[in-house]
Structure formats: C-alpha cells, structure tokens
Amino acid sequence: MKRRHFIKTTSTAAAIGVSGIGLSSFTKPQHQKHITILHTNDVHSHIDPFPKNHSKYPNLGGASRRFNYINHVKNENPNTLILDAGDAFQGTPYFNFYGGELEYKIMSKLGYHASTIGNHEFDNGIDNIAAQLEHAQFDLLNANYDLRNTSLNGLTKPYQVFEVDGINIGIFGLGIELEGLVSKDLYKETKYLDPVEVAKDQVEILKQQEHCDLVICLSHLGYSYNSKKIDDLKLAKQTHGIDLIIGGHTHTFLDQPIPTKNAKGNNVIVNQVGWAGINVGRIDFYLDDLNNWENTGTSQEV
C-alpha cells in the first residue's frame, strides 16, 4: 500500500440555530484530496429544537436544522461521512412513544453512515435495539461488546471500511462498561471487553488487513475522568494508529478538537460536541503523498 500523508484541518461546527450556516475559512491546499467528517453524539431523542424561551439553548438543535447543515456541507464537499458516537435514544417523549424507531429513521434520512452503541440505547432492553435496527440504514458499530449470546448477534459490526474518493477509511466502535450503569436485565448476556486491547486489535486489522489510510474510533467511553476509568484521552495515549477519536457519553462541549499524543508520540485528534444535537462536529482531512504532518483547529458556530 502506498503510504499517504494527512494534512489535518479540524473544525467544530457548533450551535445549530437561527443564525445560518457558518463556513470554515480554511483554504484548501492545491492538488490534494479532501475528506469531510461530520459527527454528533448524545442527541438523546431531541428531534425538535429547544424552545425559543429556553434559558440556555433557545431555538438551538433539532433534526431539521441538522439536515440543512449536513446537506450544505455535502453540496460543498460530496466526499463527506456522517457519524454518531451513541446515545441517540432517550431524553424526550419521542423515545417513550416510538422506542427509537423515529430516531433511527431520522438518522437514516439525514444520511448517517455509522453509529456506535451508547448506554442509553439499552434503556428499553437489548431486544429493542435489535428491533429498531430494521429502521436504520447505517451501520451500528461496536468492537468491545461480546454480543454472541444476545439478539444483537450478527446485527452489529466491529468495524466498517468506507472508500471515499479512493481513500480507505476504517471506523470501529467502542462502548462503555455497562455493569453498574445499566440494569443487567436490559443488556442480558452482553460481555464487556477491555477497550484498549480491543482498539489495538482493531487498528491492526484496519491497517494491515484492510489497508486503511485513515482510522476513526467512535467512542462512547467518555472524554476524561479523574479516576483510572478508561476515557478517550487515556485511549489515545495508550494506543497508536488511531487518527481520530469521536467521543460521547460525558456531554463534553469542546470548542475545538484536542490533539493528544499517542503511545508513539504522534497526534490523535479527539473531539466531542456536547449533547442534544446542538452541535455538529466537522473535521476536514486534506491528503497528499508526502511524509510530514500538519494540523490546525478552528471552531465555527452555525
């Protein structure tokens, strides 16, 4: 495989509101391929925007504004992947009434390519996740849950490879430990595997077997903890070969993606964009055939 070099330009598109569409001011270098990653996390069944009298997020969020923004970016760059880091379920009456059907149908309509499993996906039980996948026209990815003795066996994938403009992009999913967080009767025989060791295995597969140029982890582990509990920053530091970690679970609003040194001293981009669909993360990769690295980060409100 010919080695490619990534010049990384990162941006977080934040606060979907009435002000319109914000565009990155970065000028694309000449003679390079351009891949855009759009991502969300912890949308929690927020189909509608927050009301105009909301004390913190007036008129922000909502599937319709997200749909308009996604389409705008796709028109700007057709080489766009749309990803989610889990907890699409639970948080409004839409989930209570539809059980996740509406959430997955809307994500499909918005053109999502992949999502991982959040702990709140289990709120109506693991069998409900399996039932709602009928409505999902995207891949549900998780590599560190052993689901062989559950109704999700064969319905999820540890990873998926997307070819975008001739670039192989490998994406794998990681979920948080469910014991103590979710009732056992909801996740049943799901077994939690060490996410660090699983991530190392997934990178090996994606790099060596699938010949991926770019490796992305969809993580529902959480951004950062003061304890020894594994989080996105610890995952980045204890592994190598991951280029981007898209996080969820802790509802962390990052003004811009955080570059973190991996086990070999190279940068991993870590990002998380809050909750409720208020923010949409945007990361632009410009690829050429050189062997040096550059990255810049900005934050855009939309």
C-alpha atoms as a PDB file:
ATOM      1  CA  MET A   1       0.000   0.000   0.000  1.00  0.00           C
ATOM      2  CA  LYS A   2       1.349   3.409  -0.914  1.00  0.00           C
ATOM      3  CA  ARG A   3       1.842   5.427   2.239  1.00  0.00           C
ATOM      4  CA  ARG A   4      -0.218   8.602   2.351  1.00  0.00           C
ATOM      5  CA  HIS A   5       0.305  11.719   4.400  1.00  0.00           C
ATOM      6  CA  PHE A   6      -2.518  13.596   6.101  1.00  0.00           C
ATOM      7  CA  ILE A   7      -2.569  17.342   6.469  1.00  0.00           C
ATOM      8  CA  LYS A   8      -5.313  17.753   9.041  1.00  0.00           C
ATOM      9  CA  THR A   9      -7.547  20.762   9.291  1.00  0.00           C
ATOM     10  CA  THR A  10     -10.140  20.430  12.020  1.00  0.00           C
ATOM     11  CA  SER A  11     -13.216  22.459  12.817  1.00  0.00           C
ATOM     12  CA  THR A  12     -16.193  22.105  15.120  1.00  0.00           C
ATOM     13  CA  ALA A  13     -19.448  23.352  13.667  1.00  0.00           C
ATOM     14  CA  ALA A  14     -21.416  24.348  16.741  1.00  0.00           C
ATOM     15  CA  ALA A  15     -24.804  25.586  17.893  1.00  0.00           C
ATOM     16  CA  ILE A  16     -27.315  24.886  15.161  1.00  0.00           C
ATOM     17  CA  GLY A  17     -29.595  27.903  15.446  1.00  0.00           C
ATOM     18  CA  VAL A  18     -31.258  30.673  13.505  1.00  0.00           C
ATOM     19  CA  SER A  19     -28.053  32.453  12.520  1.00  0.00           C
ATOM     20  CA  GLY A  20     -27.496  30.340   9.409  1.00  0.00           C
ATOM     21  CA  ILE A  21     -24.555  28.301   8.213  1.00  0.00           C
ATOM     22  CA  GLY A  22     -21.006  29.038   9.354  1.00  0.00           C
ATOM     23  CA  LEU A  23     -18.214  28.060   6.980  1.00  0.00           C
ATOM     24  CA  SER A  24     -14.590  27.289   7.729  1.00  0.00           C
ATOM     25  CA  SER A  25     -12.224  29.989   6.495  1.00  0.00           C
ATOM     26  CA  PHE A  26      -9.506  27.428   5.721  1.00  0.00           C
ATOM     27  CA  THR A  27      -8.355  27.472   2.107  1.00  0.00           C
ATOM     28  CA  LYS A  28      -7.891  24.024   0.635  1.00  0.00           C
ATOM     29  CA  PRO A  29      -4.308  23.371  -0.497  1.00  0.00           C
ATOM     30  CA  GLN A  30      -3.886  22.586  -4.175  1.00  0.00           C
ATOM     31  CA  HIS A  31      -3.698  19.045  -5.616  1.00  0.00           C
ATOM     32  CA  GLN A  32      -4.980  17.267  -2.512  1.00  0.00           C
ATOM     33  CA  LYS A  33      -7.922  15.037  -1.723  1.00  0.00           C
ATOM     34  CA  HIS A  34     -10.442  16.449   0.694  1.00  0.00           C
ATOM     35  CA  ILE A  35     -12.493  14.294   3.098  1.00  0.00           C
ATOM     36  CA  THR A  36     -15.020  15.858   5.477  1.00  0.00           C
ATOM     37  CA  ILE A  37     -16.226  14.140   8.651  1.00  0.00           C
ATOM     38  CA  LEU A  38     -19.434  15.405  10.281  1.00  0.00           C
ATOM     39  CA  HIS A  39     -20.329  13.968  13.672  1.00  0.00           C
ATOM     40  CA  THR A  40     -22.727  14.106  16.610  1.00  0.00           C
ATOM     41  CA  ASN A  41     -23.051  12.409  19.988  1.00  0.00           C
ATOM     42  CA  ASP A  42     -25.668  12.061  22.728  1.00  0.00           C
ATOM     43  CA  VAL A  43     -28.509  13.513  20.674  1.00  0.00           C
ATOM     44  CA  HIS A  44     -30.921  11.864  23.162  1.00  0.00           C
ATOM     45  CA  SER A  45     -34.071  11.876  21.039  1.00  0.00           C
ATOM     46  CA  HIS A  46     -34.034  15.662  20.541  1.00  0.00           C
ATOM     47  CA  ILE A  47     -35.969  15.728  17.291  1.00  0.00           C
ATOM     48  CA  ASP A  48     -37.193  19.300  17.781  1.00  0.00           C
ATOM     49  CA  PRO A  49     -35.080  22.369  18.565  1.00  0.00           C
ATOM     50  CA  PHE A  50     -35.124  23.773  22.060  1.00  0.00           C
ATOM     51  CA  PRO A  51     -37.979  26.280  22.566  1.00  0.00           C
ATOM     52  CA  LYS A  52     -37.290  29.969  21.961  1.00  0.00           C
ATOM     53  CA  ASN A  53     -37.710  30.714  25.675  1.00  0.00           C
ATOM     54  CA  HIS A  54     -35.200  28.084  26.801  1.00  0.00           C
ATOM     55  CA  SER A  55     -32.793  29.622  29.316  1.00  0.00           C
ATOM     56  CA  LYS A  56     -29.640  28.091  27.822  1.00  0.00           C
ATOM     57  CA  TYR A  57     -30.263  26.832  24.285  1.00  0.00           C
ATOM     58  CA  PRO A  58     -33.098  28.918  22.753  1.00  0.00           C
ATOM     59  CA  ASN A  59     -34.007  27.714  19.241  1.00  0.00           C
ATOM     60  CA  LEU A  60     -30.892  25.539  19.033  1.00  0.00           C
ATOM     61  CA  GLY A  61     -30.650  21.976  17.763  1.00  0.00           C
ATOM     62  CA  GLY A  62     -33.339  19.954  16.029  1.00  0.00           C
ATOM     63  CA  ALA A  63     -33.222  17.435  13.202  1.00  0.00           C
ATOM     64  CA  SER A  64     -34.402  19.920  10.566  1.00  0.00           C
ATOM     65  CA  ARG A  65     -31.526  22.364  11.114  1.00  0.00           C
ATOM     66  CA  ARG A  66     -29.068  19.496  11.258  1.00  0.00           C
ATOM     67  CA  PHE A  67     -30.478  18.192   7.961  1.00  0.00           C
ATOM     68  CA  ASN A  68     -29.990  21.597   6.319  1.00  0.00           C
ATOM     69  CA  TYR A  69     -26.436  21.906   7.607  1.00  0.00           C
ATOM     70  CA  ILE A  70     -25.474  18.382   6.534  1.00  0.00           C
ATOM     71  CA  ASN A  71     -26.843  18.977   3.044  1.00  0.00           C
ATOM     72  CA  HIS A  72     -24.974  22.276   2.805  1.00  0.00           C
ATOM     73  CA  VAL A  73     -21.684  20.586   3.672  1.00  0.00           C
ATOM     74  CA  LYS A  74     -22.344  17.685   1.298  1.00  0.00           C
ATOM     75  CA  ASN A  75     -23.003  20.170  -1.506  1.00  0.00           C
ATOM     76  CA  GLU A  76     -19.719  21.860  -0.639  1.00  0.00           C
ATOM     77  CA  ASN A  77     -17.856  18.537  -0.475  1.00  0.00           C
ATOM     78  CA  PRO A  78     -19.570  15.345  -1.679  1.00  0.00           C
ATOM     79  CA  ASN A  79     -16.764  13.334  -0.037  1.00  0.00           C
ATOM     80  CA  THR A  80     -18.408  13.566   3.385  1.00  0.00           C
ATOM     81  CA  LEU A  81     -19.018  10.910   6.046  1.00  0.00           C
ATOM     82  CA  ILE A  82     -21.626  11.411   8.794  1.00  0.00           C
ATOM     83  CA  LEU A  83     -21.017   9.621  12.099  1.00  0.00           C
ATOM     84  CA  ASP A  84     -22.530   9.387  15.578  1.00  0.00           C
ATOM     85  CA  ALA A  85     -20.954   8.353  18.889  1.00  0.00           C
ATOM     86  CA  GLY A  86     -24.003   6.865  20.591  1.00  0.00           C
ATOM     87  CA  ASP A  87     -26.942   7.686  22.870  1.00  0.00           C
ATOM     88  CA  ALA A  88     -29.301   8.547  20.057  1.00  0.00           C
ATOM     89  CA  PHE A  89     -32.083   7.192  22.323  1.00  0.00           C
ATOM     90  CA  GLN A  90     -33.804   8.541  25.450  1.00  0.00           C
ATOM     91  CA  GLY A  91     -34.464  12.086  26.596  1.00  0.00           C
ATOM     92  CA  THR A  92     -37.765  13.243  25.088  1.00  0.00           C
ATOM     93  CA  PRO A  93     -41.289  11.773  24.710  1.00  0.00           C
ATOM     94  CA  TYR A  94     -40.400  10.728  21.167  1.00  0.00           C
ATOM     95  CA  PHE A  95     -38.388   7.853  22.620  1.00  0.00           C
ATOM     96  CA  ASN A  96     -41.085   6.991  25.157  1.00  0.00           C
ATOM     97  CA  PHE A  97     -43.636   6.708  22.356  1.00  0.00           C
ATOM     98  CA  TYR A  98     -41.614   5.269  19.442  1.00  0.00           C
ATOM     99  CA  GLY A  99     -38.876   3.379  21.304  1.00  0.00           C
ATOM    100  CA  GLY A 100     -36.105   4.511  18.953  1.00  0.00           C
ATOM    101  CA  GLU A 101     -37.848   3.920  15.632  1.00  0.00           C
ATOM    102  CA  LEU A 102     -38.126   7.637  14.862  1.00  0.00           C
ATOM    103  CA  GLU A 103     -34.536   8.344  15.893  1.00  0.00           C
ATOM    104  CA  TYR A 104     -33.122   5.694  13.557  1.00  0.00           C
ATOM    105  CA  LYS A 105     -35.420   6.703  10.708  1.00  0.00           C
ATOM    106  CA  ILE A 106     -34.329  10.332  11.003  1.00  0.00           C
ATOM    107  CA  MET A 107     -30.640   9.411  11.222  1.00  0.00           C
ATOM    108  CA  SER A 108     -31.124   7.392   8.048  1.00  0.00           C
ATOM    109  CA  LYS A 109     -32.867  10.316   6.346  1.00  0.00           C
ATOM    110  CA  LEU A 110     -30.012  12.617   7.375  1.00  0.00           C
ATOM    111  CA  GLY A 111     -27.576  10.257   5.687  1.00  0.00           C
ATOM    112  CA  TYR A 112     -25.610   8.898   8.635  1.00  0.00           C
ATOM    113  CA  HIS A 113     -23.091   6.258   7.646  1.00  0.00           C
ATOM    114  CA  ALA A 114     -22.338   4.731  11.068  1.00  0.00           C
ATOM    115  CA  SER A 115     -23.034   4.999  14.782  1.00  0.00           C
ATOM    116  CA  THR A 116     -21.828   3.224  17.868  1.00  0.00           C
ATOM    117  CA  ILE A 117     -23.882   1.907  20.813  1.00  0.00           C
ATOM    118  CA  GLY A 118     -24.410   4.189  23.799  1.00  0.00           C
ATOM    119  CA  ASN A 119     -25.575   3.009  27.204  1.00  0.00           C
ATOM    120  CA  HIS A 120     -29.000   4.633  26.697  1.00  0.00           C
ATOM    121  CA  GLU A 121     -29.599   2.515  23.620  1.00  0.00           C
ATOM    122  CA  PHE A 122     -30.275  -0.240  26.198  1.00  0.00           C
ATOM    123  CA  ASP A 123     -32.999   1.697  28.041  1.00  0.00           C
ATOM    124  CA  ASN A 124     -35.786  -0.403  26.503  1.00  0.00           C
ATOM    125  CA  GLY A 125     -33.617  -3.516  26.516  1.00  0.00           C
ATOM    126  CA  ILE A 126     -31.217  -5.093  24.067  1.00  0.00           C
ATOM    127  CA  ASP A 127     -34.052  -6.790  22.179  1.00  0.00           C
ATOM    128  CA  ASN A 128     -35.458  -3.339  21.416  1.00  0.00           C
ATOM    129  CA  ILE A 129     -32.152  -2.282  19.832  1.00  0.00           C
ATOM    130  CA  ALA A 130     -32.344  -5.334  17.596  1.00  0.00           C
ATOM    131  CA  ALA A 131     -35.938  -4.489  16.655  1.00  0.00           C
ATOM    132  CA  GLN A 132     -35.175  -0.843  15.869  1.00  0.00           C
ATOM    133  CA  LEU A 133     -32.255  -1.713  13.591  1.00  0.00           C
ATOM    134  CA  GLU A 134     -34.879  -2.570  10.992  1.00  0.00           C
ATOM    135  CA  HIS A 135     -35.234   1.204  10.587  1.00  0.00           C
ATOM    136  CA  ALA A 136     -31.512   2.003  10.434  1.00  0.00           C
ATOM    137  CA  GLN A 137     -29.934   2.493   7.013  1.00  0.00           C
ATOM    138  CA  PHE A 138     -26.486   2.879   8.576  1.00  0.00           C
ATOM    139  CA  ASP A 139     -24.001   0.580  10.309  1.00  0.00           C
ATOM    140  CA  LEU A 140     -24.152   0.074  14.086  1.00  0.00           C
ATOM    141  CA  LEU A 141     -20.553  -0.499  15.163  1.00  0.00           C
ATOM    142  CA  ASN A 142     -19.142  -1.937  18.369  1.00  0.00           C
ATOM    143  CA  ALA A 143     -15.969  -3.983  18.852  1.00  0.00           C
ATOM    144  CA  ASN A 144     -15.748  -4.374  22.641  1.00  0.00           C
ATOM    145  CA  TYR A 145     -19.168  -5.843  23.426  1.00  0.00           C
ATOM    146  CA  ASP A 146     -19.362  -9.614  23.005  1.00  0.00           C
ATOM    147  CA  LEU A 147     -22.911  -9.945  21.679  1.00  0.00           C
ATOM    148  CA  ARG A 148     -22.796 -13.572  20.550  1.00  0.00           C
ATOM    149  CA  ASN A 149     -25.403 -14.771  23.063  1.00  0.00           C
ATOM    150  CA  THR A 150     -27.790 -11.859  22.519  1.00  0.00           C
ATOM    151  CA  SER A 151     -30.408 -10.798  19.996  1.00  0.00           C
ATOM    152  CA  LEU A 152     -27.858  -8.365  18.505  1.00  0.00           C
ATOM    153  CA  ASN A 153     -25.629 -11.226  17.371  1.00  0.00           C
ATOM    154  CA  GLY A 154     -24.913 -10.665  13.682  1.00  0.00           C
ATOM    155  CA  LEU A 155     -26.736  -7.313  13.553  1.00  0.00           C
ATOM    156  CA  THR A 156     -23.779  -5.134  14.500  1.00  0.00           C
ATOM    157  CA  LYS A 157     -20.232  -4.963  13.168  1.00  0.00           C
ATOM    158  CA  PRO A 158     -16.942  -4.330  14.998  1.00  0.00           C
ATOM    159  CA  TYR A 159     -15.831  -2.058  12.172  1.00  0.00           C
ATOM    160  CA  GLN A 160     -16.662  -0.892   8.685  1.00  0.00           C
ATOM    161  CA  VAL A 161     -14.450   0.368   5.879  1.00  0.00           C
ATOM    162  CA  PHE A 162     -15.694   3.192   3.669  1.00  0.00           C
ATOM    163  CA  GLU A 163     -13.937   4.078   0.423  1.00  0.00           C
ATOM    164  CA  VAL A 164     -14.249   7.804  -0.183  1.00  0.00           C
ATOM    165  CA  ASP A 165     -12.573   9.323  -3.245  1.00  0.00           C
ATOM    166  CA  GLY A 166     -10.154   6.399  -3.357  1.00  0.00           C
ATOM    167  CA  ILE A 167      -9.284   6.725   0.358  1.00  0.00           C
ATOM    168  CA  ASN A 168      -9.984   3.734   2.654  1.00  0.00           C
ATOM    169  CA  ILE A 169     -11.451   4.961   5.934  1.00  0.00           C
ATOM    170  CA  GLY A 170     -11.753   2.352   8.693  1.00  0.00           C
ATOM    171  CA  ILE A 171     -14.215   3.076  11.502  1.00  0.00           C
ATOM    172  CA  PHE A 172     -14.682   0.978  14.640  1.00  0.00           C
ATOM    173  CA  GLY A 173     -16.855   1.437  17.728  1.00  0.00           C
ATOM    174  CA  LEU A 174     -16.232   1.193  21.482  1.00  0.00           C
ATOM    175  CA  GLY A 175     -18.808   1.213  24.285  1.00  0.00           C
ATOM    176  CA  ILE A 176     -18.675   1.997  27.981  1.00  0.00           C
ATOM    177  CA  GLU A 177     -18.820  -0.718  30.657  1.00  0.00           C
ATOM    178  CA  LEU A 178     -22.499  -1.430  31.266  1.00  0.00           C
ATOM    179  CA  GLU A 179     -22.268  -3.082  34.690  1.00  0.00           C
ATOM    180  CA  GLY A 180     -23.320  -0.588  37.343  1.00  0.00           C
ATOM    181  CA  LEU A 181     -24.629   1.787  34.695  1.00  0.00           C
ATOM    182  CA  VAL A 182     -27.354  -0.287  33.038  1.00  0.00           C
ATOM    183  CA  SER A 183     -29.561  -2.910  34.641  1.00  0.00           C
ATOM    184  CA  LYS A 184     -28.413  -6.446  33.847  1.00  0.00           C
ATOM    185  CA  ASP A 185     -31.875  -7.445  32.637  1.00  0.00           C
ATOM    186  CA  LEU A 186     -31.570  -4.805  29.907  1.00  0.00           C
ATOM    187  CA  TYR A 187     -28.210  -5.794  28.430  1.00  0.00           C
ATOM    188  CA  LYS A 188     -28.572  -9.502  29.296  1.00  0.00           C
ATOM    189  CA  GLU A 189     -25.586 -11.628  28.157  1.00  0.00           C
ATOM    190  CA  THR A 190     -23.594  -8.744  26.686  1.00  0.00           C
ATOM    191  CA  LYS A 191     -19.962  -9.049  27.807  1.00  0.00           C
ATOM    192  CA  TYR A 192     -17.689  -6.024  28.120  1.00  0.00           C
ATOM    193  CA  LEU A 193     -14.153  -6.357  26.739  1.00  0.00           C
ATOM    194  CA  ASP A 194     -11.157  -4.136  27.531  1.00  0.00           C
ATOM    195  CA  PRO A 195     -11.485  -1.206  25.091  1.00  0.00           C
ATOM    196  CA  VAL A 196      -7.742  -0.502  24.959  1.00  0.00           C
ATOM    197  CA  GLU A 197      -6.830  -4.060  23.946  1.00  0.00           C
ATOM    198  CA  VAL A 198      -9.753  -4.222  21.538  1.00  0.00           C
ATOM    199  CA  ALA A 199      -8.724  -0.908  19.978  1.00  0.00           C
ATOM    200  CA  LYS A 200      -5.208  -2.218  19.405  1.00  0.00           C
ATOM    201  CA  ASP A 201      -6.633  -5.280  17.662  1.00  0.00           C
ATOM    202  CA  GLN A 202      -8.969  -3.184  15.526  1.00  0.00           C
ATOM    203  CA  VAL A 203      -6.171  -0.877  14.410  1.00  0.00           C
ATOM    204  CA  GLU A 204      -4.059  -3.887  13.445  1.00  0.00           C
ATOM    205  CA  ILE A 205      -6.918  -5.278  11.348  1.00  0.00           C
ATOM    206  CA  LEU A 206      -7.743  -1.963   9.721  1.00  0.00           C
ATOM    207  CA  LYS A 207      -4.136  -1.038   8.954  1.00  0.00           C
ATOM    208  CA  GLN A 208      -2.678  -4.409   7.985  1.00  0.00           C
ATOM    209  CA  GLN A 209      -5.602  -6.398   6.604  1.00  0.00           C
ATOM    210  CA  GLU A 210      -7.949  -3.709   5.317  1.00  0.00           C
ATOM    211  CA  HIS A 211      -5.157  -1.322   4.237  1.00  0.00           C
ATOM    212  CA  CYS A 212      -6.913   1.735   5.637  1.00  0.00           C
ATOM    213  CA  ASP A 213      -5.431   5.174   5.092  1.00  0.00           C
ATOM    214  CA  LEU A 214      -7.404   6.712   7.954  1.00  0.00           C
ATOM    215  CA  VAL A 215      -8.655   5.074  11.177  1.00  0.00           C
ATOM    216  CA  ILE A 216     -11.510   6.564  13.211  1.00  0.00           C
ATOM    217  CA  CYS A 217     -12.810   5.359  16.565  1.00  0.00           C
ATOM    218  CA  LEU A 218     -16.434   6.056  17.511  1.00  0.00           C
ATOM    219  CA  SER A 219     -16.215   6.026  21.288  1.00  0.00           C
ATOM    220  CA  HIS A 220     -18.922   6.098  23.929  1.00  0.00           C
ATOM    221  CA  LEU A 221     -16.369   5.830  26.739  1.00  0.00           C
ATOM    222  CA  GLY A 222     -16.419   9.472  27.852  1.00  0.00           C
ATOM    223  CA  TYR A 223     -13.945  12.295  27.297  1.00  0.00           C
ATOM    224  CA  SER A 224     -11.955  12.409  30.564  1.00  0.00           C
ATOM    225  CA  TYR A 225     -12.188  11.067  34.131  1.00  0.00           C
ATOM    226  CA  ASN A 226     -10.070  11.807  37.206  1.00  0.00           C
ATOM    227  CA  SER A 227     -10.130   8.088  38.069  1.00  0.00           C
ATOM    228  CA  LYS A 228      -8.381   5.212  36.285  1.00  0.00           C
ATOM    229  CA  LYS A 229     -11.544   4.572  34.300  1.00  0.00           C
ATOM    230  CA  ILE A 230     -10.710   4.428  30.602  1.00  0.00           C
ATOM    231  CA  ASP A 231     -11.706   7.511  28.619  1.00  0.00           C
ATOM    232  CA  ASP A 232     -10.941   8.986  25.206  1.00  0.00           C
ATOM    233  CA  LEU A 233      -7.776  10.771  26.321  1.00  0.00           C
ATOM    234  CA  LYS A 234      -6.400   7.625  28.005  1.00  0.00           C
ATOM    235  CA  LEU A 235      -7.358   5.565  24.968  1.00  0.00           C
ATOM    236  CA  ALA A 236      -5.445   7.939  22.718  1.00  0.00           C
ATOM    237  CA  LYS A 237      -2.352   7.835  24.940  1.00  0.00           C
ATOM    238  CA  GLN A 238      -2.315   4.041  25.335  1.00  0.00           C
ATOM    239  CA  THR A 239      -2.718   3.132  21.661  1.00  0.00           C
ATOM    240  CA  HIS A 240      -1.299   4.120  18.289  1.00  0.00           C
ATOM    241  CA  GLY A 241      -2.632   4.062  14.754  1.00  0.00           C
ATOM    242  CA  ILE A 242      -5.919   5.845  15.502  1.00  0.00           C
ATOM    243  CA  ASP A 243      -6.145   9.159  13.655  1.00  0.00           C
ATOM    244  CA  LEU A 244      -9.407  10.483  15.114  1.00  0.00           C
ATOM    245  CA  ILE A 245     -11.479   9.651  18.205  1.00  0.00           C
ATOM    246  CA  ILE A 246     -15.066  10.895  18.039  1.00  0.00           C
ATOM    247  CA  GLY A 247     -16.400  10.726  21.587  1.00  0.00           C
ATOM    248  CA  GLY A 248     -19.632  10.684  23.524  1.00  0.00           C
ATOM    249  CA  HIS A 249     -21.216   9.908  26.908  1.00  0.00           C
ATOM    250  CA  THR A 250     -19.883  12.799  29.019  1.00  0.00           C
ATOM    251  CA  HIS A 251     -21.720  15.523  27.038  1.00  0.00           C
ATOM    252  CA  THR A 252     -18.463  17.463  26.745  1.00  0.00           C
ATOM    253  CA  PHE A 253     -18.597  20.660  24.707  1.00  0.00           C
ATOM    254  CA  LEU A 254     -15.157  21.107  23.148  1.00  0.00           C
ATOM    255  CA  ASP A 255     -14.526  24.449  21.451  1.00  0.00           C
ATOM    256  CA  GLN A 256     -12.188  22.666  19.070  1.00  0.00           C
ATOM    257  CA  PRO A 257     -10.759  19.172  18.625  1.00  0.00           C
ATOM    258  CA  ILE A 258      -7.967  18.297  21.048  1.00  0.00           C
ATOM    259  CA  PRO A 259      -4.677  16.915  19.668  1.00  0.00           C
ATOM    260  CA  THR A 260      -3.366  14.241  22.053  1.00  0.00           C
ATOM    261  CA  LYS A 261      -0.090  12.310  21.859  1.00  0.00           C
ATOM    262  CA  ASN A 262      -0.457   8.583  21.310  1.00  0.00           C
ATOM    263  CA  ALA A 263       1.814   5.789  22.540  1.00  0.00           C
ATOM    264  CA  LYS A 264       4.328   6.619  19.789  1.00  0.00           C
ATOM    265  CA  GLY A 265       4.254  10.373  20.315  1.00  0.00           C
ATOM    266  CA  ASN A 266       2.093  11.155  17.290  1.00  0.00           C
ATOM    267  CA  ASN A 267      -1.028  13.287  17.417  1.00  0.00           C
ATOM    268  CA  VAL A 268      -4.509  11.797  17.722  1.00  0.00           C
ATOM    269  CA  ILE A 269      -7.423  14.185  17.223  1.00  0.00           C
ATOM    270  CA  VAL A 270     -10.041  13.820  19.991  1.00  0.00           C
ATOM    271  CA  ASN A 271     -13.401  15.562  19.685  1.00  0.00           C
ATOM    272  CA  GLN A 272     -16.822  15.623  21.351  1.00  0.00           C
ATOM    273  CA  VAL A 273     -19.633  18.087  20.678  1.00  0.00           C
ATOM    274  CA  GLY A 274     -21.881  18.230  23.731  1.00  0.00           C
ATOM    275  CA  TRP A 275     -25.360  16.743  23.553  1.00  0.00           C
ATOM    276  CA  ALA A 276     -28.944  17.104  22.228  1.00  0.00           C
ATOM    277  CA  GLY A 277     -27.863  17.783  18.650  1.00  0.00           C
ATOM    278  CA  ILE A 278     -26.983  21.381  19.479  1.00  0.00           C
ATOM    279  CA  ASN A 279     -23.590  20.985  17.859  1.00  0.00           C
ATOM    280  CA  VAL A 280     -22.344  19.199  14.783  1.00  0.00           C
ATOM    281  CA  GLY A 281     -18.626  18.475  14.670  1.00  0.00           C
ATOM    282  CA  ARG A 282     -16.763  18.998  11.426  1.00  0.00           C
ATOM    283  CA  ILE A 283     -13.270  17.730  10.657  1.00  0.00           C
ATOM    284  CA  ASP A 284     -11.654  18.195   7.259  1.00  0.00           C
ATOM    285  CA  PHE A 285      -8.791  15.993   6.112  1.00  0.00           C
ATOM    286  CA  TYR A 286      -6.582  17.072   3.213  1.00  0.00           C
ATOM    287  CA  LEU A 287      -4.444  14.216   1.918  1.00  0.00           C
ATOM    288  CA  ASP A 288      -1.334  14.139  -0.210  1.00  0.00           C
ATOM    289  CA  ASP A 289       1.598  11.763  -0.733  1.00  0.00           C
ATOM    290  CA  LEU A 290       4.228  13.457   1.444  1.00  0.00           C
ATOM    291  CA  ASN A 291       5.508  12.092   4.749  1.00  0.00           C
ATOM    292  CA  ASN A 292       5.149  15.155   7.009  1.00  0.00           C
ATOM    293  CA  TRP A 293       2.217  16.176   9.194  1.00  0.00           C
ATOM    294  CA  GLU A 294       0.401  19.461   9.833  1.00  0.00           C
ATOM    295  CA  ASN A 295      -2.835  20.220  11.666  1.00  0.00           C
ATOM    296  CA  THR A 296      -4.818  23.316  12.576  1.00  0.00           C
ATOM    297  CA  GLY A 297      -8.045  23.684  14.522  1.00  0.00           C
ATOM    298  CA  THR A 298     -10.925  26.168  14.406  1.00  0.00           C
ATOM    299  CA  SER A 299     -14.434  26.430  15.805  1.00  0.00           C
ATOM    300  CA  GLN A 300     -17.458  27.569  13.803  1.00  0.00           C
ATOM    301  CA  GLU A 301     -20.951  28.430  15.011  1.00  0.00           C
ATOM    302  CA  VAL A 302     -23.802  27.520  12.654  1.00  0.00           C
END
